[in-house]
Amino acid sequence: MKWREPAGNCRSRVQARSRLLALSQTSDLAPAEATIDVVVLNWNGGQMLVRCLETLGAQTIRHNVIVVDNGSTDSSLELVGERFPGVRQLPLLENRGFTVGNNRGVAEGSAQYVVLANNDIECDPAFLERLTAPFSDEGVGMVAALLLRPGRQVIDSYGLELDRTLAAFPRFGGRSYDPDRLHEDGLAMPTGAAAAYRRDAFEGVGGFDEALFAYMEDVDLGLRLRAEGWRSGGAPDALAVHLGSASFGRRSRGQVEFGGVARGYMLRKYGVLGHDLVTAAMAVAAETAAVAAEVVLGRDLAALRGRVAGWNRAAGVRAEAPPDAINDSIGLLGSLRRRRAGL
């Protein structure tokens, strides 16, 4: 699905993007010694993006910020240009999704480390410094931040864990925030909402798979990084508040369908149904339950339609999931409980 601008606004918006793109190519940005590029993807984020950039501006470590605008039709471009002249903007003419947008943003930079930040997160001042600290271990290729829900009392996620069907779940999601109870057991990879990557690792596996528009792209990237021998680290003291589902809306039909596309694509790409009988049975049962729940809640076939489209899109695409990325303790009931919590 693509969103296009109203015809009456198209010419002026394109001209504005062109002017900002020209400026971004000549701007004197952050100091050359900065080792971190922060890529913030935006689509009609407006004031939410402003707050995100304000918190990035208060960081304790030098960094570059690159805002990739995915064809916004609000005032996002103008707000950033007026209030954050040191931020590089990369305007795209239409919404190209999470994968294309972030790949373009990463390619714009050259710093040793890349941090991806959703436009709906607000970072603590030491966020970047602490998020990149685990890279002191040369075997770590990606790092998960700790995201809290508004109010800072409940955890949104501390990276992702996977069941044997490659369904991904936010670790510690919904639990009360207690820093003494956090650990890295079962940490498969970071969530794309707030993640750090070594640039050479990210580029070495080709970045995000652009066949995915949104959802599960962080899982796919993490699996490919792990297959190349990179480990996932955790930074429990790298704190940010995550509003969540800001682009598509909580449980919107677009969100459900895009999620379904991603799920169908991943099932086929990684050969989940052909792995073994137990895994196949678990996948069929879990997906049937997920689609049925969405039919009841949404009164449409968005979840099923998305899965079929994703399955078809993955024709001829194959990859292997490293066994050590799977949390085998998550059985069918555990998977269903986690899925239900996400509804």
C-alpha atoms as a PDB file:
ATOM      1  CA  MET A   1       0.000   0.000   0.000  1.00  0.00           C
ATOM      2  CA  LYS A   2       1.311   3.472  -0.848  1.00  0.00           C
ATOM      3  CA  TRP A   3       0.144   6.860   0.282  1.00  0.00           C
ATOM      4  CA  ARG A   4       0.319   9.671  -2.235  1.00  0.00           C
ATOM      5  CA  GLU A   5      -0.123  13.387  -1.762  1.00  0.00           C
ATOM      6  CA  PRO A   6      -3.299  15.224  -2.789  1.00  0.00           C
ATOM      7  CA  ALA A   7      -2.848  16.594  -6.276  1.00  0.00           C
ATOM      8  CA  GLY A   8      -3.249  20.201  -5.129  1.00  0.00           C
ATOM      9  CA  ASN A   9      -0.363  19.929  -2.675  1.00  0.00           C
ATOM     10  CA  CYS A  10       1.981  17.793  -4.722  1.00  0.00           C
ATOM     11  CA  ARG A  11       3.921  20.496  -6.603  1.00  0.00           C
ATOM     12  CA  SER A  12       4.634  22.702  -3.590  1.00  0.00           C
ATOM     13  CA  ARG A  13       5.564  19.723  -1.427  1.00  0.00           C
ATOM     14  CA  VAL A  14       7.928  18.317  -4.053  1.00  0.00           C
ATOM     15  CA  GLN A  15       9.577  21.722  -4.413  1.00  0.00           C
ATOM     16  CA  ALA A  16      10.003  21.958  -0.647  1.00  0.00           C
ATOM     17  CA  ARG A  17      11.580  18.521  -0.522  1.00  0.00           C
ATOM     18  CA  SER A  18      13.912  19.402  -3.383  1.00  0.00           C
ATOM     19  CA  ARG A  19      15.082  22.577  -1.614  1.00  0.00           C
ATOM     20  CA  LEU A  20      15.658  20.704   1.640  1.00  0.00           C
ATOM     21  CA  LEU A  21      17.487  17.889  -0.121  1.00  0.00           C
ATOM     22  CA  ALA A  22      19.802  20.412  -1.781  1.00  0.00           C
ATOM     23  CA  LEU A  23      20.493  22.028   1.575  1.00  0.00           C
ATOM     24  CA  SER A  24      21.105  18.675   3.244  1.00  0.00           C
ATOM     25  CA  GLN A  25      23.840  17.895   0.748  1.00  0.00           C
ATOM     26  CA  THR A  26      25.774  21.064   1.597  1.00  0.00           C
ATOM     27  CA  SER A  27      25.046  21.503   5.321  1.00  0.00           C
ATOM     28  CA  ASP A  28      27.849  21.515   7.880  1.00  0.00           C
ATOM     29  CA  LEU A  29      26.523  18.859  10.223  1.00  0.00           C
ATOM     30  CA  ALA A  30      27.996  17.254  13.336  1.00  0.00           C
ATOM     31  CA  PRO A  31      31.761  17.113  13.985  1.00  0.00           C
ATOM     32  CA  ALA A  32      33.726  14.716  11.817  1.00  0.00           C
ATOM     33  CA  GLU A  33      34.781  12.621  14.814  1.00  0.00           C
ATOM     34  CA  ALA A  34      31.214  11.502  15.545  1.00  0.00           C
ATOM     35  CA  THR A  35      31.088   7.699  15.433  1.00  0.00           C
ATOM     36  CA  ILE A  36      27.284   7.364  15.489  1.00  0.00           C
ATOM     37  CA  ASP A  37      24.735   8.017  12.764  1.00  0.00           C
ATOM     38  CA  VAL A  38      21.177   8.180  14.092  1.00  0.00           C
ATOM     39  CA  VAL A  39      18.544   7.484  11.437  1.00  0.00           C
ATOM     40  CA  VAL A  40      15.020   8.638  12.254  1.00  0.00           C
ATOM     41  CA  LEU A  41      12.285   7.563   9.859  1.00  0.00           C
ATOM     42  CA  ASN A  42       9.275   9.857   9.662  1.00  0.00           C
ATOM     43  CA  TRP A  43       5.875   9.783   8.021  1.00  0.00           C
ATOM     44  CA  ASN A  44       3.550  12.626   9.010  1.00  0.00           C
ATOM     45  CA  GLY A  45       5.127  12.656  12.468  1.00  0.00           C
ATOM     46  CA  GLY A  46       5.019  16.409  12.994  1.00  0.00           C
ATOM     47  CA  GLN A  47       5.217  17.381  16.660  1.00  0.00           C
ATOM     48  CA  MET A  48       6.084  13.835  17.693  1.00  0.00           C
ATOM     49  CA  LEU A  49       9.197  14.005  15.514  1.00  0.00           C
ATOM     50  CA  VAL A  50      10.110  17.361  17.048  1.00  0.00           C
ATOM     51  CA  ARG A  51      10.061  15.856  20.538  1.00  0.00           C
ATOM     52  CA  CYS A  52      12.197  12.914  19.401  1.00  0.00           C
ATOM     53  CA  LEU A  53      14.777  15.261  17.886  1.00  0.00           C
ATOM     54  CA  GLU A  54      14.790  17.433  21.004  1.00  0.00           C
ATOM     55  CA  THR A  55      15.755  14.434  23.118  1.00  0.00           C
ATOM     56  CA  LEU A  56      18.423  13.402  20.610  1.00  0.00           C
ATOM     57  CA  GLY A  57      19.804  16.931  20.778  1.00  0.00           C
ATOM     58  CA  ALA A  58      20.375  16.513  24.509  1.00  0.00           C
ATOM     59  CA  GLN A  59      22.587  13.414  24.216  1.00  0.00           C
ATOM     60  CA  THR A  60      25.876  13.036  26.091  1.00  0.00           C
ATOM     61  CA  ILE A  61      27.846  11.810  23.061  1.00  0.00           C
ATOM     62  CA  ARG A  62      28.551  13.297  19.628  1.00  0.00           C
ATOM     63  CA  HIS A  63      26.433  11.955  16.792  1.00  0.00           C
ATOM     64  CA  ASN A  64      24.912  12.770  13.418  1.00  0.00           C
ATOM     65  CA  VAL A  65      21.145  12.765  12.876  1.00  0.00           C
ATOM     66  CA  ILE A  66      19.582  11.863   9.538  1.00  0.00           C
ATOM     67  CA  VAL A  67      15.805  12.227   9.184  1.00  0.00           C
ATOM     68  CA  VAL A  68      14.344  10.229   6.326  1.00  0.00           C
ATOM     69  CA  ASP A  69      10.950  11.640   5.424  1.00  0.00           C
ATOM     70  CA  ASN A  70       8.701   9.043   3.819  1.00  0.00           C
ATOM     71  CA  GLY A  71       6.583  11.377   1.708  1.00  0.00           C
ATOM     72  CA  SER A  72       4.921  13.298   4.547  1.00  0.00           C
ATOM     73  CA  THR A  73       2.039  15.598   3.700  1.00  0.00           C
ATOM     74  CA  ASP A  74       2.052  17.433   7.018  1.00  0.00           C
ATOM     75  CA  SER A  75       4.546  20.108   8.120  1.00  0.00           C
ATOM     76  CA  SER A  76       7.283  17.675   9.183  1.00  0.00           C
ATOM     77  CA  LEU A  77       9.838  18.890   6.636  1.00  0.00           C
ATOM     78  CA  GLU A  78       9.376  22.538   7.472  1.00  0.00           C
ATOM     79  CA  LEU A  79       9.427  21.936  11.242  1.00  0.00           C
ATOM     80  CA  VAL A  80      12.725  20.094  11.081  1.00  0.00           C
ATOM     81  CA  GLY A  81      14.292  22.633   8.732  1.00  0.00           C
ATOM     82  CA  GLU A  82      13.290  25.544  10.952  1.00  0.00           C
ATOM     83  CA  ARG A  83      14.017  24.075  14.382  1.00  0.00           C
ATOM     84  CA  PHE A  84      16.897  21.665  13.740  1.00  0.00           C
ATOM     85  CA  PRO A  85      19.248  23.192  11.144  1.00  0.00           C
ATOM     86  CA  GLY A  86      22.018  20.720  12.011  1.00  0.00           C
ATOM     87  CA  VAL A  87      19.869  17.707  11.130  1.00  0.00           C
ATOM     88  CA  ARG A  88      20.302  16.238   7.670  1.00  0.00           C
ATOM     89  CA  GLN A  89      17.022  15.565   5.874  1.00  0.00           C
ATOM     90  CA  LEU A  90      16.503  12.968   3.179  1.00  0.00           C
ATOM     91  CA  PRO A  91      13.058  13.570   1.646  1.00  0.00           C
ATOM     92  CA  LEU A  92      11.435  10.760  -0.323  1.00  0.00           C
ATOM     93  CA  LEU A  93       8.598  11.551  -2.705  1.00  0.00           C
ATOM     94  CA  GLU A  94       6.331   8.789  -1.386  1.00  0.00           C
ATOM     95  CA  ASN A  95       6.043   6.412   1.548  1.00  0.00           C
ATOM     96  CA  ARG A  96       8.553   3.658   0.792  1.00  0.00           C
ATOM     97  CA  GLY A  97       8.090   1.874   4.108  1.00  0.00           C
ATOM     98  CA  PHE A  98      10.391   1.074   7.014  1.00  0.00           C
ATOM     99  CA  THR A  99      12.920  -0.996   5.107  1.00  0.00           C
ATOM    100  CA  VAL A 100      13.581   1.251   2.121  1.00  0.00           C
ATOM    101  CA  GLY A 101      13.523   4.409   4.229  1.00  0.00           C
ATOM    102  CA  ASN A 102      16.012   3.125   6.775  1.00  0.00           C
ATOM    103  CA  ASN A 103      18.291   1.600   4.146  1.00  0.00           C
ATOM    104  CA  ARG A 104      18.439   4.979   2.407  1.00  0.00           C
ATOM    105  CA  GLY A 105      19.142   6.719   5.692  1.00  0.00           C
ATOM    106  CA  VAL A 106      21.955   4.361   6.636  1.00  0.00           C
ATOM    107  CA  ALA A 107      23.503   4.796   3.187  1.00  0.00           C
ATOM    108  CA  GLU A 108      23.539   8.583   3.704  1.00  0.00           C
ATOM    109  CA  GLY A 109      25.940   8.256   6.619  1.00  0.00           C
ATOM    110  CA  SER A 110      29.382   6.788   7.167  1.00  0.00           C
ATOM    111  CA  ALA A 111      29.814   6.542  10.947  1.00  0.00           C
ATOM    112  CA  GLN A 112      31.040   3.334  12.545  1.00  0.00           C
ATOM    113  CA  TYR A 113      27.763   2.684  14.348  1.00  0.00           C
ATOM    114  CA  VAL A 114      24.188   3.123  13.162  1.00  0.00           C
ATOM    115  CA  VAL A 115      21.296   3.740  15.534  1.00  0.00           C
ATOM    116  CA  LEU A 116      17.733   3.430  14.276  1.00  0.00           C
ATOM    117  CA  ALA A 117      15.178   5.428  16.249  1.00  0.00           C
ATOM    118  CA  ASN A 118      11.450   5.578  15.633  1.00  0.00           C
ATOM    119  CA  ASN A 119      10.031   9.084  15.509  1.00  0.00           C
ATOM    120  CA  ASP A 120       7.766   8.130  18.430  1.00  0.00           C
ATOM    121  CA  ILE A 121      10.491   7.563  21.019  1.00  0.00           C
ATOM    122  CA  GLU A 122      11.878  10.019  23.566  1.00  0.00           C
ATOM    123  CA  CYS A 123      15.441   9.203  24.614  1.00  0.00           C
ATOM    124  CA  ASP A 124      17.134   9.770  27.957  1.00  0.00           C
ATOM    125  CA  PRO A 125      20.302  11.927  27.685  1.00  0.00           C
ATOM    126  CA  ALA A 126      22.711   8.977  27.976  1.00  0.00           C
ATOM    127  CA  PHE A 127      20.720   6.806  25.552  1.00  0.00           C
ATOM    128  CA  LEU A 128      23.191   6.790  22.649  1.00  0.00           C
ATOM    129  CA  GLU A 129      26.274   6.520  24.834  1.00  0.00           C
ATOM    130  CA  ARG A 130      24.929   3.488  26.657  1.00  0.00           C
ATOM    131  CA  LEU A 131      23.347   1.871  23.615  1.00  0.00           C
ATOM    132  CA  THR A 132      26.654   1.762  21.765  1.00  0.00           C
ATOM    133  CA  ALA A 133      28.775   0.745  24.768  1.00  0.00           C
ATOM    134  CA  PRO A 134      28.339  -3.044  24.171  1.00  0.00           C
ATOM    135  CA  PHE A 135      30.218  -2.673  20.871  1.00  0.00           C
ATOM    136  CA  SER A 136      33.391  -2.794  22.943  1.00  0.00           C
ATOM    137  CA  ASP A 137      32.884  -6.544  22.491  1.00  0.00           C
ATOM    138  CA  GLU A 138      33.960  -7.091  18.901  1.00  0.00           C
ATOM    139  CA  GLY A 139      31.586 -10.029  18.470  1.00  0.00           C
ATOM    140  CA  VAL A 140      28.488  -7.883  19.082  1.00  0.00           C
ATOM    141  CA  GLY A 141      26.897  -6.689  15.855  1.00  0.00           C
ATOM    142  CA  MET A 142      23.580  -5.340  17.166  1.00  0.00           C
ATOM    143  CA  VAL A 143      22.322  -3.956  20.478  1.00  0.00           C
ATOM    144  CA  ALA A 144      18.844  -3.708  22.007  1.00  0.00           C
ATOM    145  CA  ALA A 145      17.686  -0.693  24.011  1.00  0.00           C
ATOM    146  CA  LEU A 146      15.191  -0.754  26.863  1.00  0.00           C
ATOM    147  CA  LEU A 147      11.906   0.857  25.826  1.00  0.00           C
ATOM    148  CA  LEU A 148       9.378   1.945  28.431  1.00  0.00           C
ATOM    149  CA  ARG A 149       5.726   2.845  27.954  1.00  0.00           C
ATOM    150  CA  PRO A 150       4.565   6.390  28.730  1.00  0.00           C
ATOM    151  CA  GLY A 151       4.750   6.926  32.480  1.00  0.00           C
ATOM    152  CA  ARG A 152       7.983   4.900  32.678  1.00  0.00           C
ATOM    153  CA  GLN A 153       6.476   2.295  34.984  1.00  0.00           C
ATOM    154  CA  VAL A 154       5.878  -0.493  32.435  1.00  0.00           C
ATOM    155  CA  ILE A 155       8.293  -2.067  29.957  1.00  0.00           C
ATOM    156  CA  ASP A 156       7.427  -1.877  26.282  1.00  0.00           C
ATOM    157  CA  SER A 157      10.308  -4.116  25.159  1.00  0.00           C
ATOM    158  CA  TYR A 158      13.880  -5.080  25.830  1.00  0.00           C
ATOM    159  CA  GLY A 159      14.707  -6.601  22.474  1.00  0.00           C
ATOM    160  CA  LEU A 160      12.866  -9.504  20.856  1.00  0.00           C
ATOM    161  CA  GLU A 161      12.531 -13.220  21.513  1.00  0.00           C
ATOM    162  CA  LEU A 162      11.424 -15.795  18.935  1.00  0.00           C
ATOM    163  CA  ASP A 163       9.441 -19.002  19.163  1.00  0.00           C
ATOM    164  CA  ARG A 164      10.244 -21.915  16.866  1.00  0.00           C
ATOM    165  CA  THR A 165       7.877 -20.573  14.169  1.00  0.00           C
ATOM    166  CA  LEU A 166       9.872 -17.288  14.130  1.00  0.00           C
ATOM    167  CA  ALA A 167       7.015 -15.340  15.674  1.00  0.00           C
ATOM    168  CA  ALA A 168       8.633 -12.419  17.509  1.00  0.00           C
ATOM    169  CA  PHE A 169       7.631 -11.033  20.890  1.00  0.00           C
ATOM    170  CA  PRO A 170       8.833  -8.034  22.911  1.00  0.00           C
ATOM    171  CA  ARG A 171      10.884  -9.300  25.829  1.00  0.00           C
ATOM    172  CA  PHE A 172       9.490  -8.228  29.234  1.00  0.00           C
ATOM    173  CA  GLY A 173       6.621  -6.468  27.434  1.00  0.00           C
ATOM    174  CA  GLY A 174       3.900  -5.385  29.860  1.00  0.00           C
ATOM    175  CA  ARG A 175       5.931  -6.081  33.009  1.00  0.00           C
ATOM    176  CA  SER A 176       6.635  -3.508  35.688  1.00  0.00           C
ATOM    177  CA  TYR A 177       9.981  -1.839  35.216  1.00  0.00           C
ATOM    178  CA  ASP A 178      12.498  -3.262  37.653  1.00  0.00           C
ATOM    179  CA  PRO A 179      16.101  -2.886  36.466  1.00  0.00           C
ATOM    180  CA  ASP A 180      17.277  -5.630  38.823  1.00  0.00           C
ATOM    181  CA  ARG A 181      15.158  -8.241  37.022  1.00  0.00           C
ATOM    182  CA  LEU A 182      16.361  -7.581  33.495  1.00  0.00           C
ATOM    183  CA  HIS A 183      18.629 -10.064  31.732  1.00  0.00           C
ATOM    184  CA  GLU A 184      19.703 -11.072  28.230  1.00  0.00           C
ATOM    185  CA  ASP A 185      18.595 -14.727  28.281  1.00  0.00           C
ATOM    186  CA  GLY A 186      16.633 -15.399  25.097  1.00  0.00           C
ATOM    187  CA  LEU A 187      17.541 -12.052  23.527  1.00  0.00           C
ATOM    188  CA  ALA A 188      17.466 -12.792  19.797  1.00  0.00           C
ATOM    189  CA  MET A 189      17.837  -9.299  18.362  1.00  0.00           C
ATOM    190  CA  PRO A 190      16.823  -5.675  18.970  1.00  0.00           C
ATOM    191  CA  THR A 191      13.515  -4.237  17.900  1.00  0.00           C
ATOM    192  CA  GLY A 192      13.762  -1.826  14.992  1.00  0.00           C
ATOM    193  CA  ALA A 193      12.081   0.886  17.079  1.00  0.00           C
ATOM    194  CA  ALA A 194      15.388   1.522  18.876  1.00  0.00           C
ATOM    195  CA  ALA A 195      18.405  -0.486  17.765  1.00  0.00           C
ATOM    196  CA  ALA A 196      22.122  -0.077  17.232  1.00  0.00           C
ATOM    197  CA  TYR A 197      24.162  -1.871  14.566  1.00  0.00           C
ATOM    198  CA  ARG A 198      27.789  -1.965  13.512  1.00  0.00           C
ATOM    199  CA  ARG A 199      27.822  -0.396  10.089  1.00  0.00           C
ATOM    200  CA  ASP A 200      30.056  -3.105   8.641  1.00  0.00           C
ATOM    201  CA  ALA A 201      27.720  -5.790   9.985  1.00  0.00           C
ATOM    202  CA  PHE A 202      24.580  -4.047   8.692  1.00  0.00           C
ATOM    203  CA  GLU A 203      26.058  -3.421   5.262  1.00  0.00           C
ATOM    204  CA  GLY A 204      27.714  -6.826   5.166  1.00  0.00           C
ATOM    205  CA  VAL A 205      24.341  -8.613   5.109  1.00  0.00           C
ATOM    206  CA  GLY A 206      22.747  -6.101   2.754  1.00  0.00           C
ATOM    207  CA  GLY A 207      20.681  -4.147   5.273  1.00  0.00           C
ATOM    208  CA  PHE A 208      16.931  -4.614   5.503  1.00  0.00           C
ATOM    209  CA  ASP A 209      15.096  -6.875   3.077  1.00  0.00           C
ATOM    210  CA  GLU A 210      13.105  -4.383   1.002  1.00  0.00           C
ATOM    211  CA  ALA A 211      10.509  -7.003   0.083  1.00  0.00           C
ATOM    212  CA  LEU A 212       9.105  -6.194   3.536  1.00  0.00           C
ATOM    213  CA  PHE A 213       7.335  -2.844   3.753  1.00  0.00           C
ATOM    214  CA  ALA A 214       7.004  -2.853   7.531  1.00  0.00           C
ATOM    215  CA  TYR A 215       7.018  -5.348  10.418  1.00  0.00           C
ATOM    216  CA  MET A 216       9.389  -8.276  11.030  1.00  0.00           C
ATOM    217  CA  GLU A 217      12.136  -6.557   9.070  1.00  0.00           C
ATOM    218  CA  ASP A 218      14.112  -6.309  12.322  1.00  0.00           C
ATOM    219  CA  VAL A 219      13.663 -10.056  12.880  1.00  0.00           C
ATOM    220  CA  ASP A 220      14.830 -10.898   9.371  1.00  0.00           C
ATOM    221  CA  LEU A 221      17.872  -8.623   9.680  1.00  0.00           C
ATOM    222  CA  GLY A 222      18.737 -10.049  13.093  1.00  0.00           C
ATOM    223  CA  LEU A 223      18.532 -13.612  11.815  1.00  0.00           C
ATOM    224  CA  ARG A 224      20.827 -12.851   8.902  1.00  0.00           C
ATOM    225  CA  LEU A 225      23.313 -11.126  11.204  1.00  0.00           C
ATOM    226  CA  ARG A 226      23.313 -14.092  13.572  1.00  0.00           C
ATOM    227  CA  ALA A 227      23.796 -16.448  10.633  1.00  0.00           C
ATOM    228  CA  GLU A 228      26.979 -14.506   9.856  1.00  0.00           C
ATOM    229  CA  GLY A 229      28.238 -15.008  13.406  1.00  0.00           C
ATOM    230  CA  TRP A 230      27.272 -11.677  14.973  1.00  0.00           C
ATOM    231  CA  ARG A 231      25.800 -11.681  18.470  1.00  0.00           C
ATOM    232  CA  SER A 232      23.086  -9.469  19.921  1.00  0.00           C
ATOM    233  CA  GLY A 233      23.932  -7.400  22.963  1.00  0.00           C
ATOM    234  CA  GLY A 234      21.658  -5.626  25.394  1.00  0.00           C
ATOM    235  CA  ALA A 235      21.868  -2.185  26.980  1.00  0.00           C
ATOM    236  CA  PRO A 236      19.336  -2.142  29.842  1.00  0.00           C
ATOM    237  CA  ASP A 237      20.497   1.334  30.883  1.00  0.00           C
ATOM    238  CA  ALA A 238      19.830   2.796  27.407  1.00  0.00           C
ATOM    239  CA  LEU A 239      16.350   4.073  28.183  1.00  0.00           C
ATOM    240  CA  ALA A 240      13.699   5.583  25.919  1.00  0.00           C
ATOM    241  CA  VAL A 241       9.942   6.026  26.128  1.00  0.00           C
ATOM    242  CA  HIS A 242       8.033   4.486  23.210  1.00  0.00           C
ATOM    243  CA  LEU A 243       4.568   5.740  22.272  1.00  0.00           C
ATOM    244  CA  GLY A 244       3.992   2.745  19.979  1.00  0.00           C
ATOM    245  CA  SER A 245       1.997   2.194  16.761  1.00  0.00           C
ATOM    246  CA  ALA A 246       2.255   5.870  15.924  1.00  0.00           C
ATOM    247  CA  SER A 247       2.534   5.459  12.149  1.00  0.00           C
ATOM    248  CA  PHE A 248      -0.370   3.126  11.449  1.00  0.00           C
ATOM    249  CA  GLY A 249      -2.479   3.443  14.581  1.00  0.00           C
ATOM    250  CA  ARG A 250      -3.077   0.784  17.196  1.00  0.00           C
ATOM    251  CA  ARG A 251      -4.559  -2.324  15.514  1.00  0.00           C
ATOM    252  CA  SER A 252      -5.553  -0.369  12.414  1.00  0.00           C
ATOM    253  CA  ARG A 253      -6.496  -2.448   9.377  1.00  0.00           C
ATOM    254  CA  GLY A 254      -3.371  -1.248   7.606  1.00  0.00           C
ATOM    255  CA  GLN A 255      -1.234  -2.397  10.501  1.00  0.00           C
ATOM    256  CA  VAL A 256      -2.926  -5.802  10.579  1.00  0.00           C
ATOM    257  CA  GLU A 257      -2.519  -6.332   6.850  1.00  0.00           C
ATOM    258  CA  PHE A 258       1.110  -5.229   6.742  1.00  0.00           C
ATOM    259  CA  GLY A 259       1.800  -7.472   9.722  1.00  0.00           C
ATOM    260  CA  GLY A 260       0.154 -10.348   7.878  1.00  0.00           C
ATOM    261  CA  VAL A 261       2.285  -9.749   4.782  1.00  0.00           C
ATOM    262  CA  ALA A 262       5.414  -9.854   6.913  1.00  0.00           C
ATOM    263  CA  ARG A 263       4.324 -13.036   8.668  1.00  0.00           C
ATOM    264  CA  GLY A 264       3.509 -14.880   5.443  1.00  0.00           C
ATOM    265  CA  TYR A 265       6.788 -13.738   3.891  1.00  0.00           C
ATOM    266  CA  MET A 266       8.872 -14.918   6.832  1.00  0.00           C
ATOM    267  CA  LEU A 267       7.128 -18.288   7.065  1.00  0.00           C
ATOM    268  CA  ARG A 268       8.019 -19.078   3.477  1.00  0.00           C
ATOM    269  CA  LYS A 269      11.433 -17.401   3.311  1.00  0.00           C
ATOM    270  CA  TYR A 270      12.695 -19.411   6.289  1.00  0.00           C
ATOM    271  CA  GLY A 271      10.874 -22.625   5.395  1.00  0.00           C
ATOM    272  CA  VAL A 272       9.050 -22.781   8.721  1.00  0.00           C
ATOM    273  CA  LEU A 273       6.327 -25.144   7.491  1.00  0.00           C
ATOM    274  CA  GLY A 274       8.899 -27.564   6.123  1.00  0.00           C
ATOM    275  CA  HIS A 275      11.239 -27.555   9.100  1.00  0.00           C
ATOM    276  CA  ASP A 276       9.731 -30.405  11.151  1.00  0.00           C
ATOM    277  CA  LEU A 277       6.297 -31.732  11.992  1.00  0.00           C
ATOM    278  CA  VAL A 278       6.082 -30.111  15.441  1.00  0.00           C
ATOM    279  CA  THR A 279       7.108 -26.692  14.146  1.00  0.00           C
ATOM    280  CA  ALA A 280       4.744 -26.928  11.175  1.00  0.00           C
ATOM    281  CA  ALA A 281       1.829 -27.941  13.389  1.00  0.00           C
ATOM    282  CA  MET A 282       2.569 -25.142  15.824  1.00  0.00           C
ATOM    283  CA  ALA A 283       2.774 -22.603  12.999  1.00  0.00           C
ATOM    284  CA  VAL A 284      -0.509 -23.704  11.423  1.00  0.00           C
ATOM    285  CA  ALA A 285      -2.312 -23.663  14.779  1.00  0.00           C
ATOM    286  CA  ALA A 286      -0.920 -20.290  15.812  1.00  0.00           C
ATOM    287  CA  GLU A 287      -1.569 -18.607  12.462  1.00  0.00           C
ATOM    288  CA  THR A 288      -5.091 -19.980  12.288  1.00  0.00           C
ATOM    289  CA  ALA A 289      -5.797 -18.612  15.754  1.00  0.00           C
ATOM    290  CA  ALA A 290      -4.261 -15.236  14.897  1.00  0.00           C
ATOM    291  CA  VAL A 291      -6.293 -14.861  11.703  1.00  0.00           C
ATOM    292  CA  ALA A 292      -9.502 -15.950  13.456  1.00  0.00           C
ATOM    293  CA  ALA A 293      -8.942 -13.400  16.221  1.00  0.00           C
ATOM    294  CA  GLU A 294      -8.443 -10.612  13.698  1.00  0.00           C
ATOM    295  CA  VAL A 295     -11.561 -11.643  11.780  1.00  0.00           C
ATOM    296  CA  VAL A 296     -13.562 -11.318  14.992  1.00  0.00           C
ATOM    297  CA  LEU A 297     -11.956  -8.050  16.080  1.00  0.00           C
ATOM    298  CA  GLY A 298     -11.779  -6.344  12.701  1.00  0.00           C
ATOM    299  CA  ARG A 299     -14.658  -8.039  10.915  1.00  0.00           C
ATOM    300  CA  ASP A 300     -12.607  -8.406   7.762  1.00  0.00           C
ATOM    301  CA  LEU A 301      -9.959 -10.643   6.213  1.00  0.00           C
ATOM    302  CA  ALA A 302      -7.029  -8.223   6.435  1.00  0.00           C
ATOM    303  CA  ALA A 303      -4.886 -10.697   8.399  1.00  0.00           C
ATOM    304  CA  LEU A 304      -5.516 -13.555   5.983  1.00  0.00           C
ATOM    305  CA  ARG A 305      -5.173 -11.360   2.907  1.00  0.00           C
ATOM    306  CA  GLY A 306      -1.828 -10.091   4.144  1.00  0.00           C
ATOM    307  CA  ARG A 307      -0.461 -13.566   4.865  1.00  0.00           C
ATOM    308  CA  VAL A 308      -1.392 -14.828   1.415  1.00  0.00           C
ATOM    309  CA  ALA A 309       0.254 -11.813  -0.217  1.00  0.00           C
ATOM    310  CA  GLY A 310       3.398 -12.244   1.862  1.00  0.00           C
ATOM    311  CA  TRP A 311       3.612 -15.965   1.097  1.00  0.00           C
ATOM    312  CA  ASN A 312       3.359 -15.269  -2.621  1.00  0.00           C
ATOM    313  CA  ARG A 313       5.986 -12.528  -2.392  1.00  0.00           C
ATOM    314  CA  ALA A 314       8.512 -14.940  -0.871  1.00  0.00           C
ATOM    315  CA  ALA A 315       8.447 -17.322  -3.840  1.00  0.00           C
ATOM    316  CA  GLY A 316      12.025 -18.322  -4.642  1.00  0.00           C
ATOM    317  CA  VAL A 317      13.487 -16.607  -1.562  1.00  0.00           C
ATOM    318  CA  ARG A 318      15.209 -18.833   1.017  1.00  0.00           C
ATOM    319  CA  ALA A 319      17.194 -18.308   4.204  1.00  0.00           C
ATOM    320  CA  GLU A 320      18.116 -20.346   7.283  1.00  0.00           C
ATOM    321  CA  ALA A 321      17.334 -19.338  10.858  1.00  0.00           C
ATOM    322  CA  PRO A 322      20.199 -20.055  13.281  1.00  0.00           C
ATOM    323  CA  PRO A 323      18.937 -22.461  15.985  1.00  0.00           C
ATOM    324  CA  ASP A 324      20.492 -20.386  18.763  1.00  0.00           C
ATOM    325  CA  ALA A 325      18.140 -17.504  17.908  1.00  0.00           C
ATOM    326  CA  ILE A 326      15.107 -19.556  18.986  1.00  0.00           C
ATOM    327  CA  ASN A 327      13.696 -19.677  22.495  1.00  0.00           C
ATOM    328  CA  ASP A 328      12.521 -23.304  22.618  1.00  0.00           C
ATOM    329  CA  SER A 329      10.827 -22.732  25.973  1.00  0.00           C
ATOM    330  CA  ILE A 330       8.040 -20.833  24.182  1.00  0.00           C
ATOM    331  CA  GLY A 331       5.527 -23.520  23.257  1.00  0.00           C
ATOM    332  CA  LEU A 332       2.197 -23.155  21.491  1.00  0.00           C
ATOM    333  CA  LEU A 333       0.345 -21.922  24.570  1.00  0.00           C
ATOM    334  CA  GLY A 334       3.089 -19.456  25.384  1.00  0.00           C
ATOM    335  CA  SER A 335       3.059 -18.192  21.827  1.00  0.00           C
ATOM    336  CA  LEU A 336      -0.716 -17.768  21.850  1.00  0.00           C
ATOM    337  CA  ARG A 337      -0.601 -15.915  25.177  1.00  0.00           C
ATOM    338  CA  ARG A 338       2.006 -13.517  23.825  1.00  0.00           C
ATOM    339  CA  ARG A 339       0.027 -12.962  20.646  1.00  0.00           C
ATOM    340  CA  ARG A 340      -3.102 -12.270  22.645  1.00  0.00           C
ATOM    341  CA  ALA A 341      -1.257  -9.693  24.744  1.00  0.00           C
ATOM    342  CA  GLY A 342      -0.404  -7.846  21.547  1.00  0.00           C
ATOM    343  CA  LEU A 343      -4.007  -7.515  20.375  1.00  0.00           C
END
